[in-house]
Amino acid sequence: MTRSFPSSAPAADAAAVPAAPPAAVPPRRSRKLPRRYAPIAFAFFMSGIMAFLMCCVIVAANTGFGPGYLLRVLGSYALAMPVAFCCVLGVRPLVMRLVAATVRP
C-alpha cells in the first residue's frame, strides 16, 4: 500500500494573489531594569526570600504551627524584610571582598 502526501507546491491560484505586507507592530517596551540596578534587584530578591524562609522557621520554632501561623509569619515578615534588605545592601561590599580573597580569578 502506498501513501500519497499532499504536494508542498503552492496552489496555482495562490500565486496570482500578492502577499499582504506584514502589519507594522510598534516596538514593545522592555519591562526589565537597566543593568546598573542588578545589585539592588539581587539584594531585594535575596532578602525577600531569605527573610520569608527565616520567618517561617523562627515563628514555627517559637509558637508552633497552630492556628494563625501564616498571620504571625506575615507579621514578622513585615519587619524582617526591610531590615534584611538594608543588611544585604550593607554587607555586599564586604562579601564581594571575601569572595575575591577566597576564589581564584
PDB file of N, CA and C in Angstrom:
ATOM      1  N   MET A   1       0.841  -1.167   0.000  1.00  0.00           N
ATOM      2  CA  MET A   1       0.000   0.000   0.000  1.00  0.00           C
ATOM      3  C   MET A   1       0.893   1.239   0.000  1.00  0.00           C
ATOM      4  N   THR A   2       0.624   2.151  -0.874  1.00  0.00           N
ATOM      5  CA  THR A   2       1.412   3.362  -0.957  1.00  0.00           C
ATOM      6  C   THR A   2       0.617   4.523  -0.376  1.00  0.00           C
ATOM      7  N   ARG A   3       1.353   5.411   0.252  1.00  0.00           N
ATOM      8  CA  ARG A   3       0.718   6.601   0.833  1.00  0.00           C
ATOM      9  C   ARG A   3       1.013   7.775  -0.071  1.00  0.00           C
ATOM     10  N   SER A   4       0.031   8.607  -0.250  1.00  0.00           N
ATOM     11  CA  SER A   4       0.270   9.828  -1.023  1.00  0.00           C
ATOM     12  C   SER A   4       0.275  11.011  -0.069  1.00  0.00           C
ATOM     13  N   PHE A   5       1.255  11.842  -0.211  1.00  0.00           N
ATOM     14  CA  PHE A   5       1.398  13.028   0.627  1.00  0.00           C
ATOM     15  C   PHE A   5       0.961  14.248  -0.162  1.00  0.00           C
ATOM     16  N   PRO A   6       0.374  15.207   0.516  1.00  0.00           N
ATOM     17  CA  PRO A   6      -0.015  16.417  -0.216  1.00  0.00           C
ATOM     18  C   PRO A   6       1.222  17.126  -0.750  1.00  0.00           C
ATOM     19  N   SER A   7       1.059  17.733  -1.868  1.00  0.00           N
ATOM     20  CA  SER A   7       2.165  18.438  -2.506  1.00  0.00           C
ATOM     21  C   SER A   7       2.512  19.687  -1.718  1.00  0.00           C
ATOM     22  N   SER A   8       3.801  19.966  -1.601  1.00  0.00           N
ATOM     23  CA  SER A   8       4.224  21.162  -0.892  1.00  0.00           C
ATOM     24  C   SER A   8       4.230  22.376  -1.808  1.00  0.00           C
ATOM     25  N   ALA A   9       3.956  22.184  -3.071  1.00  0.00           N
ATOM     26  CA  ALA A   9       3.923  23.303  -4.003  1.00  0.00           C
ATOM     27  C   ALA A   9       2.649  24.111  -3.758  1.00  0.00           C
ATOM     28  N   PRO A  10       2.713  25.438  -3.903  1.00  0.00           N
ATOM     29  CA  PRO A  10       1.516  26.250  -3.688  1.00  0.00           C
ATOM     30  C   PRO A  10       0.496  26.022  -4.778  1.00  0.00           C
ATOM     31  N   ALA A  11      -0.730  26.268  -4.438  1.00  0.00           N
ATOM     32  CA  ALA A  11      -1.800  26.106  -5.416  1.00  0.00           C
ATOM     33  C   ALA A  11      -1.604  27.127  -6.534  1.00  0.00           C
ATOM     34  N   ALA A  12      -2.136  26.839  -7.684  1.00  0.00           N
ATOM     35  CA  ALA A  12      -1.942  27.695  -8.843  1.00  0.00           C
ATOM     36  C   ALA A  12      -2.587  29.061  -8.636  1.00  0.00           C
ATOM     37  N   ASP A  13      -3.750  29.115  -7.981  1.00  0.00           N
ATOM     38  CA  ASP A  13      -4.420  30.398  -7.797  1.00  0.00           C
ATOM     39  C   ASP A  13      -3.766  31.225  -6.692  1.00  0.00           C
ATOM     40  N   ALA A  14      -3.001  30.605  -5.805  1.00  0.00           N
ATOM     41  CA  ALA A  14      -2.334  31.331  -4.731  1.00  0.00           C
ATOM     42  C   ALA A  14      -1.200  32.202  -5.281  1.00  0.00           C
ATOM     43  N   ALA A  15      -0.595  31.803  -6.384  1.00  0.00           N
ATOM     44  CA  ALA A  15       0.492  32.568  -6.961  1.00  0.00           C
ATOM     45  C   ALA A  15      -0.022  33.872  -7.564  1.00  0.00           C
ATOM     46  N   ALA A  16      -1.292  33.914  -7.922  1.00  0.00           N
ATOM     47  CA  ALA A  16      -1.846  35.103  -8.558  1.00  0.00           C
ATOM     48  C   ALA A  16      -2.161  36.199  -7.537  1.00  0.00           C
ATOM     49  N   VAL A  17      -2.359  35.835  -6.281  1.00  0.00           N
ATOM     50  CA  VAL A  17      -2.711  36.803  -5.252  1.00  0.00           C
ATOM     51  C   VAL A  17      -1.431  37.294  -4.590  1.00  0.00           C
ATOM     52  N   PRO A  18      -1.181  38.622  -4.608  1.00  0.00           N
ATOM     53  CA  PRO A  18       0.043  39.117  -3.973  1.00  0.00           C
ATOM     54  C   PRO A  18      -0.051  38.977  -2.449  1.00  0.00           C
ATOM     55  N   ALA A  19       1.055  38.736  -1.848  1.00  0.00           N
ATOM     56  CA  ALA A  19       1.091  38.587  -0.391  1.00  0.00           C
ATOM     57  C   ALA A  19       0.932  39.958   0.252  1.00  0.00           C
ATOM     58  N   ALA A  20       0.178  39.994   1.339  1.00  0.00           N
ATOM     59  CA  ALA A  20      -0.037  41.255   2.051  1.00  0.00           C
ATOM     60  C   ALA A  20       1.233  41.601   2.821  1.00  0.00           C
ATOM     61  N   PRO A  21       1.587  42.883   2.874  1.00  0.00           N
ATOM     62  CA  PRO A  21       2.781  43.253   3.645  1.00  0.00           C
ATOM     63  C   PRO A  21       2.539  42.990   5.125  1.00  0.00           C
ATOM     64  N   PRO A  22       3.583  42.660   5.861  1.00  0.00           N
ATOM     65  CA  PRO A  22       3.390  42.398   7.294  1.00  0.00           C
ATOM     66  C   PRO A  22       2.912  43.661   7.994  1.00  0.00           C
ATOM     67  N   ALA A  23       2.022  43.458   8.956  1.00  0.00           N
ATOM     68  CA  ALA A  23       1.485  44.605   9.696  1.00  0.00           C
ATOM     69  C   ALA A  23       2.590  45.228  10.537  1.00  0.00           C
ATOM     70  N   ALA A  24       2.580  46.530  10.590  1.00  0.00           N
ATOM     71  CA  ALA A  24       3.588  47.240  11.382  1.00  0.00           C
ATOM     72  C   ALA A  24       3.252  47.082  12.860  1.00  0.00           C
ATOM     73  N   VAL A  25       4.156  46.482  13.587  1.00  0.00           N
ATOM     74  CA  VAL A  25       3.963  46.271  15.018  1.00  0.00           C
ATOM     75  C   VAL A  25       4.845  47.271  15.754  1.00  0.00           C
ATOM     76  N   PRO A  26       4.244  48.074  16.638  1.00  0.00           N
ATOM     77  CA  PRO A  26       5.083  49.031  17.368  1.00  0.00           C
ATOM     78  C   PRO A  26       6.069  48.294  18.260  1.00  0.00           C
ATOM     79  N   PRO A  27       7.260  48.849  18.431  1.00  0.00           N
ATOM     80  CA  PRO A  27       8.250  48.179  19.283  1.00  0.00           C
ATOM     81  C   PRO A  27       7.724  48.085  20.714  1.00  0.00           C
ATOM     82  N   ARG A  28       7.965  46.964  21.335  1.00  0.00           N
ATOM     83  CA  ARG A  28       7.488  46.721  22.687  1.00  0.00           C
ATOM     84  C   ARG A  28       8.519  47.215  23.690  1.00  0.00           C
ATOM     85  N   ARG A  29       8.060  47.964  24.662  1.00  0.00           N
ATOM     86  CA  ARG A  29       8.965  48.480  25.689  1.00  0.00           C
ATOM     87  C   ARG A  29       9.355  47.356  26.632  1.00  0.00           C
ATOM     88  N   SER A  30      10.597  47.336  26.986  1.00  0.00           N
ATOM     89  CA  SER A  30      11.089  46.324  27.914  1.00  0.00           C
ATOM     90  C   SER A  30      10.676  46.691  29.331  1.00  0.00           C
ATOM     91  N   ARG A  31      10.258  45.694  30.082  1.00  0.00           N
ATOM     92  CA  ARG A  31       9.867  45.922  31.467  1.00  0.00           C
ATOM     93  C   ARG A  31      11.002  45.573  32.416  1.00  0.00           C
ATOM     94  N   LYS A  32      12.170  45.315  31.873  1.00  0.00           N
ATOM     95  CA  LYS A  32      13.315  44.961  32.702  1.00  0.00           C
ATOM     96  C   LYS A  32      14.055  46.212  33.150  1.00  0.00           C
ATOM     97  N   LEU A  33      14.715  46.081  34.291  1.00  0.00           N
ATOM     98  CA  LEU A  33      15.516  47.177  34.818  1.00  0.00           C
ATOM     99  C   LEU A  33      16.834  47.275  34.056  1.00  0.00           C
ATOM    100  N   PRO A  34      17.419  48.458  34.001  1.00  0.00           N
ATOM    101  CA  PRO A  34      18.768  48.565  33.406  1.00  0.00           C
ATOM    102  C   PRO A  34      19.779  47.777  34.234  1.00  0.00           C
ATOM    103  N   ARG A  35      20.862  47.365  33.590  1.00  0.00           N
ATOM    104  CA  ARG A  35      21.882  46.522  34.219  1.00  0.00           C
ATOM    105  C   ARG A  35      22.484  47.158  35.473  1.00  0.00           C
ATOM    106  N   ARG A  36      22.538  48.472  35.535  1.00  0.00           N
ATOM    107  CA  ARG A  36      23.162  49.122  36.691  1.00  0.00           C
ATOM    108  C   ARG A  36      22.379  48.885  37.985  1.00  0.00           C
ATOM    109  N   TYR A  37      21.136  48.460  37.882  1.00  0.00           N
ATOM    110  CA  TYR A  37      20.329  48.177  39.068  1.00  0.00           C
ATOM    111  C   TYR A  37      20.406  46.708  39.506  1.00  0.00           C
ATOM    112  N   ALA A  38      21.244  45.912  38.878  1.00  0.00           N
ATOM    113  CA  ALA A  38      21.348  44.485  39.197  1.00  0.00           C
ATOM    114  C   ALA A  38      21.699  44.238  40.667  1.00  0.00           C
ATOM    115  N   PRO A  39      22.642  44.959  41.276  1.00  0.00           N
ATOM    116  CA  PRO A  39      22.928  44.703  42.698  1.00  0.00           C
ATOM    117  C   PRO A  39      21.732  44.980  43.611  1.00  0.00           C
ATOM    118  N   ILE A  40      20.956  46.004  43.283  1.00  0.00           N
ATOM    119  CA  ILE A  40      19.782  46.316  44.101  1.00  0.00           C
ATOM    120  C   ILE A  40      18.694  45.269  43.900  1.00  0.00           C
ATOM    121  N   ALA A  41      18.487  44.829  42.660  1.00  0.00           N
ATOM    122  CA  ALA A  41      17.495  43.783  42.394  1.00  0.00           C
ATOM    123  C   ALA A  41      17.905  42.480  43.085  1.00  0.00           C
ATOM    124  N   PHE A  42      19.198  42.157  43.022  1.00  0.00           N
ATOM    125  CA  PHE A  42      19.688  40.959  43.706  1.00  0.00           C
ATOM    126  C   PHE A  42      19.424  41.055  45.201  1.00  0.00           C
ATOM    127  N   ALA A  43      19.736  42.195  45.803  1.00  0.00           N
ATOM    128  CA  ALA A  43      19.518  42.379  47.242  1.00  0.00           C
ATOM    129  C   ALA A  43      18.040  42.272  47.590  1.00  0.00           C
ATOM    130  N   PHE A  44      17.185  42.814  46.748  1.00  0.00           N
ATOM    131  CA  PHE A  44      15.745  42.768  47.003  1.00  0.00           C
ATOM    132  C   PHE A  44      15.235  41.322  47.018  1.00  0.00           C
ATOM    133  N   PHE A  45      15.569  40.571  45.977  1.00  0.00           N
ATOM    134  CA  PHE A  45      15.078  39.192  45.897  1.00  0.00           C
ATOM    135  C   PHE A  45      15.728  38.295  46.951  1.00  0.00           C
ATOM    136  N   MET A  46      17.027  38.453  47.157  1.00  0.00           N
ATOM    137  CA  MET A  46      17.718  37.637  48.152  1.00  0.00           C
ATOM    138  C   MET A  46      17.149  37.899  49.539  1.00  0.00           C
ATOM    139  N   SER A  47      17.007  39.161  49.901  1.00  0.00           N
ATOM    140  CA  SER A  47      16.489  39.473  51.235  1.00  0.00           C
ATOM    141  C   SER A  47      15.032  39.052  51.375  1.00  0.00           C
ATOM    142  N   GLY A  48      14.257  39.207  50.338  1.00  0.00           N
ATOM    143  CA  GLY A  48      12.855  38.813  50.404  1.00  0.00           C
ATOM    144  C   GLY A  48      12.672  37.328  50.629  1.00  0.00           C
ATOM    145  N   ILE A  49      13.409  36.533  49.888  1.00  0.00           N
ATOM    146  CA  ILE A  49      13.291  35.072  50.008  1.00  0.00           C
ATOM    147  C   ILE A  49      13.856  34.601  51.342  1.00  0.00           C
ATOM    148  N   MET A  50      15.043  35.083  51.683  1.00  0.00           N
ATOM    149  CA  MET A  50      15.664  34.637  52.933  1.00  0.00           C
ATOM    150  C   MET A  50      14.868  35.088  54.158  1.00  0.00           C
ATOM    151  N   ALA A  51      14.375  36.316  54.158  1.00  0.00           N
ATOM    152  CA  ALA A  51      13.597  36.800  55.300  1.00  0.00           C
ATOM    153  C   ALA A  51      12.327  35.978  55.462  1.00  0.00           C
ATOM    154  N   PHE A  52      11.673  35.641  54.358  1.00  0.00           N
ATOM    155  CA  PHE A  52      10.444  34.849  54.451  1.00  0.00           C
ATOM    156  C   PHE A  52      10.729  33.453  54.999  1.00  0.00           C
ATOM    157  N   LEU A  53      11.769  32.817  54.477  1.00  0.00           N
ATOM    158  CA  LEU A  53      12.101  31.470  54.960  1.00  0.00           C
ATOM    159  C   LEU A  53      12.488  31.497  56.442  1.00  0.00           C
ATOM    160  N   MET A  54      13.275  32.485  56.828  1.00  0.00           N
ATOM    161  CA  MET A  54      13.673  32.584  58.236  1.00  0.00           C
ATOM    162  C   MET A  54      12.469  32.875  59.128  1.00  0.00           C
ATOM    163  N   CYS A  55      11.563  33.716  58.688  1.00  0.00           N
ATOM    164  CA  CYS A  55      10.354  33.991  59.473  1.00  0.00           C
ATOM    165  C   CYS A  55       9.528  32.728  59.643  1.00  0.00           C
ATOM    166  N   CYS A  56       9.410  31.935  58.579  1.00  0.00           N
ATOM    167  CA  CYS A  56       8.654  30.678  58.681  1.00  0.00           C
ATOM    168  C   CYS A  56       9.265  29.763  59.734  1.00  0.00           C
ATOM    169  N   VAL A  57      10.573  29.614  59.707  1.00  0.00           N
ATOM    170  CA  VAL A  57      11.260  28.717  60.641  1.00  0.00           C
ATOM    171  C   VAL A  57      11.197  29.255  62.070  1.00  0.00           C
ATOM    172  N   ILE A  58      11.482  30.527  62.258  1.00  0.00           N
ATOM    173  CA  ILE A  58      11.539  31.094  63.607  1.00  0.00           C
ATOM    174  C   ILE A  58      10.160  31.133  64.253  1.00  0.00           C
ATOM    175  N   VAL A  59       9.131  31.497  63.489  1.00  0.00           N
ATOM    176  CA  VAL A  59       7.773  31.504  64.044  1.00  0.00           C
ATOM    177  C   VAL A  59       7.346  30.084  64.406  1.00  0.00           C
ATOM    178  N   ALA A  60       7.677  29.117  63.567  1.00  0.00           N
ATOM    179  CA  ALA A  60       7.329  27.725  63.879  1.00  0.00           C
ATOM    180  C   ALA A  60       8.076  27.244  65.114  1.00  0.00           C
ATOM    181  N   ALA A  61       9.336  27.632  65.259  1.00  0.00           N
ATOM    182  CA  ALA A  61      10.112  27.201  66.427  1.00  0.00           C
ATOM    183  C   ALA A  61       9.594  27.840  67.715  1.00  0.00           C
ATOM    184  N   ASN A  62       9.156  29.096  67.631  1.00  0.00           N
ATOM    185  CA  ASN A  62       8.706  29.796  68.829  1.00  0.00           C
ATOM    186  C   ASN A  62       7.258  29.501  69.209  1.00  0.00           C
ATOM    187  N   THR A  63       6.366  29.434  68.237  1.00  0.00           N
ATOM    188  CA  THR A  63       4.941  29.303  68.560  1.00  0.00           C
ATOM    189  C   THR A  63       4.281  28.081  67.959  1.00  0.00           C
ATOM    190  N   GLY A  64       4.983  27.337  67.132  1.00  0.00           N
ATOM    191  CA  GLY A  64       4.404  26.137  66.530  1.00  0.00           C
ATOM    192  C   GLY A  64       3.571  26.457  65.299  1.00  0.00           C
ATOM    193  N   PHE A  65       2.996  25.389  64.741  1.00  0.00           N
ATOM    194  CA  PHE A  65       2.200  25.506  63.520  1.00  0.00           C
ATOM    195  C   PHE A  65       0.710  25.618  63.821  1.00  0.00           C
ATOM    196  N   GLY A  66       0.364  26.190  64.925  1.00  0.00           N
ATOM    197  CA  GLY A  66      -1.037  26.269  65.332  1.00  0.00           C
ATOM    198  C   GLY A  66      -1.840  27.249  64.496  1.00  0.00           C
ATOM    199  N   PRO A  67      -3.068  27.497  64.945  1.00  0.00           N
ATOM    200  CA  PRO A  67      -3.918  28.451  64.229  1.00  0.00           C
ATOM    201  C   PRO A  67      -3.264  29.838  64.200  1.00  0.00           C
ATOM    202  N   GLY A  68      -3.378  30.508  63.082  1.00  0.00           N
ATOM    203  CA  GLY A  68      -2.810  31.836  62.935  1.00  0.00           C
ATOM    204  C   GLY A  68      -1.333  31.849  62.583  1.00  0.00           C
ATOM    205  N   TYR A  69      -0.793  30.686  62.239  1.00  0.00           N
ATOM    206  CA  TYR A  69       0.636  30.598  61.913  1.00  0.00           C
ATOM    207  C   TYR A  69       0.997  31.537  60.764  1.00  0.00           C
ATOM    208  N   LEU A  70       0.267  31.469  59.669  1.00  0.00           N
ATOM    209  CA  LEU A  70       0.590  32.284  58.496  1.00  0.00           C
ATOM    210  C   LEU A  70       0.472  33.775  58.818  1.00  0.00           C
ATOM    211  N   LEU A  71      -0.502  34.146  59.617  1.00  0.00           N
ATOM    212  CA  LEU A  71      -0.658  35.545  60.010  1.00  0.00           C
ATOM    213  C   LEU A  71       0.532  36.017  60.847  1.00  0.00           C
ATOM    214  N   ARG A  72       1.012  35.160  61.744  1.00  0.00           N
ATOM    215  CA  ARG A  72       2.188  35.507  62.552  1.00  0.00           C
ATOM    216  C   ARG A  72       3.436  35.610  61.682  1.00  0.00           C
ATOM    217  N   VAL A  73       3.558  34.714  60.699  1.00  0.00           N
ATOM    218  CA  VAL A  73       4.701  34.773  59.778  1.00  0.00           C
ATOM    219  C   VAL A  73       4.681  36.079  58.998  1.00  0.00           C
ATOM    220  N   LEU A  74       3.532  36.442  58.467  1.00  0.00           N
ATOM    221  CA  LEU A  74       3.434  37.673  57.684  1.00  0.00           C
ATOM    222  C   LEU A  74       3.692  38.908  58.543  1.00  0.00           C
ATOM    223  N   GLY A  75       3.258  38.874  59.799  1.00  0.00           N
ATOM    224  CA  GLY A  75       3.534  39.988  60.702  1.00  0.00           C
ATOM    225  C   GLY A  75       5.017  40.154  60.969  1.00  0.00           C
ATOM    226  N   SER A  76       5.704  39.046  61.176  1.00  0.00           N
ATOM    227  CA  SER A  76       7.147  39.136  61.410  1.00  0.00           C
ATOM    228  C   SER A  76       7.898  39.471  60.116  1.00  0.00           C
ATOM    229  N   TYR A  77       7.365  39.029  58.990  1.00  0.00           N
ATOM    230  CA  TYR A  77       7.995  39.321  57.700  1.00  0.00           C
ATOM    231  C   TYR A  77       7.942  40.820  57.384  1.00  0.00           C
ATOM    232  N   ALA A  78       6.882  41.483  57.802  1.00  0.00           N
ATOM    233  CA  ALA A  78       6.752  42.923  57.560  1.00  0.00           C
ATOM    234  C   ALA A  78       7.895  43.695  58.217  1.00  0.00           C
ATOM    235  N   LEU A  79       8.397  43.203  59.324  1.00  0.00           N
ATOM    236  CA  LEU A  79       9.544  43.834  59.976  1.00  0.00           C
ATOM    237  C   LEU A  79      10.865  43.311  59.408  1.00  0.00           C
ATOM    238  N   ALA A  80      10.928  42.017  59.149  1.00  0.00           N
ATOM    239  CA  ALA A  80      12.192  41.387  58.756  1.00  0.00           C
ATOM    240  C   ALA A  80      12.638  41.756  57.338  1.00  0.00           C
ATOM    241  N   MET A  81      11.719  41.927  56.414  1.00  0.00           N
ATOM    242  CA  MET A  81      12.104  42.179  55.021  1.00  0.00           C
ATOM    243  C   MET A  81      12.877  43.488  54.854  1.00  0.00           C
ATOM    244  N   PRO A  82      12.397  44.620  55.349  1.00  0.00           N
ATOM    245  CA  PRO A  82      13.193  45.850  55.180  1.00  0.00           C
ATOM    246  C   PRO A  82      14.548  45.783  55.879  1.00  0.00           C
ATOM    247  N   VAL A  83      14.582  45.144  57.037  1.00  0.00           N
ATOM    248  CA  VAL A  83      15.857  45.012  57.762  1.00  0.00           C
ATOM    249  C   VAL A  83      16.821  44.143  56.960  1.00  0.00           C
ATOM    250  N   ALA A  84      16.323  43.042  56.429  1.00  0.00           N
ATOM    251  CA  ALA A  84      17.174  42.141  55.639  1.00  0.00           C
ATOM    252  C   ALA A  84      17.665  42.835  54.369  1.00  0.00           C
ATOM    253  N   PHE A  85      16.815  43.620  53.730  1.00  0.00           N
ATOM    254  CA  PHE A  85      17.204  44.332  52.508  1.00  0.00           C
ATOM    255  C   PHE A  85      18.350  45.297  52.799  1.00  0.00           C
ATOM    256  N   CYS A  86      18.225  46.068  53.866  1.00  0.00           N
ATOM    257  CA  CYS A  86      19.292  47.003  54.236  1.00  0.00           C
ATOM    258  C   CYS A  86      20.580  46.258  54.593  1.00  0.00           C
ATOM    259  N   CYS A  87      20.435  45.138  55.277  1.00  0.00           N
ATOM    260  CA  CYS A  87      21.622  44.358  55.642  1.00  0.00           C
ATOM    261  C   CYS A  87      22.331  43.802  54.412  1.00  0.00           C
ATOM    262  N   VAL A  88      21.567  43.269  53.462  1.00  0.00           N
ATOM    263  CA  VAL A  88      22.184  42.721  52.250  1.00  0.00           C
ATOM    264  C   VAL A  88      22.891  43.827  51.473  1.00  0.00           C
ATOM    265  N   LEU A  89      22.256  44.998  51.368  1.00  0.00           N
ATOM    266  CA  LEU A  89      22.919  46.110  50.678  1.00  0.00           C
ATOM    267  C   LEU A  89      24.185  46.543  51.418  1.00  0.00           C
ATOM    268  N   GLY A  90      24.131  46.516  52.742  1.00  0.00           N
ATOM    269  CA  GLY A  90      25.272  46.968  53.539  1.00  0.00           C
ATOM    270  C   GLY A  90      26.449  46.016  53.540  1.00  0.00           C
ATOM    271  N   VAL A  91      26.189  44.720  53.581  1.00  0.00           N
ATOM    272  CA  VAL A  91      27.289  43.757  53.668  1.00  0.00           C
ATOM    273  C   VAL A  91      27.773  43.289  52.293  1.00  0.00           C
ATOM    274  N   ARG A  92      27.117  43.709  51.222  1.00  0.00           N
ATOM    275  CA  ARG A  92      27.520  43.269  49.883  1.00  0.00           C
ATOM    276  C   ARG A  92      28.982  43.588  49.586  1.00  0.00           C
ATOM    277  N   PRO A  93      29.472  44.806  49.851  1.00  0.00           N
ATOM    278  CA  PRO A  93      30.891  45.073  49.555  1.00  0.00           C
ATOM    279  C   PRO A  93      31.838  44.166  50.342  1.00  0.00           C
ATOM    280  N   LEU A  94      31.530  43.908  51.593  1.00  0.00           N
ATOM    281  CA  LEU A  94      32.356  43.012  52.405  1.00  0.00           C
ATOM    282  C   LEU A  94      32.341  41.603  51.835  1.00  0.00           C
ATOM    283  N   VAL A  95      31.177  41.126  51.471  1.00  0.00           N
ATOM    284  CA  VAL A  95      31.065  39.772  50.914  1.00  0.00           C
ATOM    285  C   VAL A  95      31.808  39.674  49.589  1.00  0.00           C
ATOM    286  N   MET A  96      31.734  40.713  48.770  1.00  0.00           N
ATOM    287  CA  MET A  96      32.465  40.695  47.494  1.00  0.00           C
ATOM    288  C   MET A  96      33.967  40.607  47.723  1.00  0.00           C
ATOM    289  N   ARG A  97      34.481  41.334  48.732  1.00  0.00           N
ATOM    290  CA  ARG A  97      35.916  41.254  49.048  1.00  0.00           C
ATOM    291  C   ARG A  97      36.291  39.881  49.597  1.00  0.00           C
ATOM    292  N   LEU A  98      35.427  39.310  50.430  1.00  0.00           N
ATOM    293  CA  LEU A  98      35.693  37.975  50.968  1.00  0.00           C
ATOM    294  C   LEU A  98      35.711  36.919  49.862  1.00  0.00           C
ATOM    295  N   VAL A  99      34.786  37.022  48.941  1.00  0.00           N
ATOM    296  CA  VAL A  99      34.756  36.079  47.815  1.00  0.00           C
ATOM    297  C   VAL A  99      35.982  36.253  46.948  1.00  0.00           C
ATOM    298  N   ALA A 100      36.373  37.499  46.684  1.00  0.00           N
ATOM    299  CA  ALA A 100      37.566  37.747  45.872  1.00  0.00           C
ATOM    300  C   ALA A 100      38.831  37.211  46.534  1.00  0.00           C
ATOM    301  N   ALA A 101      38.864  37.253  47.872  1.00  0.00           N
ATOM    302  CA  ALA A 101      40.031  36.732  48.592  1.00  0.00           C
ATOM    303  C   ALA A 101      40.020  35.214  48.671  1.00  0.00           C
ATOM    304  N   THR A 102      38.878  34.606  48.461  1.00  0.00           N
ATOM    305  CA  THR A 102      38.730  33.157  48.600  1.00  0.00           C
ATOM    306  C   THR A 102      38.811  32.396  47.284  1.00  0.00           C
ATOM    307  N   VAL A 103      38.387  33.032  46.199  1.00  0.00           N
ATOM    308  CA  VAL A 103      38.248  32.349  44.917  1.00  0.00           C
ATOM    309  C   VAL A 103      39.345  32.830  43.966  1.00  0.00           C
ATOM    310  N   ARG A 104      39.899  31.894  43.203  1.00  0.00           N
ATOM    311  CA  ARG A 104      40.903  32.260  42.191  1.00  0.00           C
ATOM    312  C   ARG A 104      40.249  33.066  41.083  1.00  0.00           C
ATOM    313  N   PRO A 105      40.986  34.050  40.531  1.00  0.00           N
ATOM    314  CA  PRO A 105      40.413  34.844  39.415  1.00  0.00           C
ATOM    315  C   PRO A 105      40.313  34.040  38.139  1.00  0.00           C
TER     316      PRO A 105
END
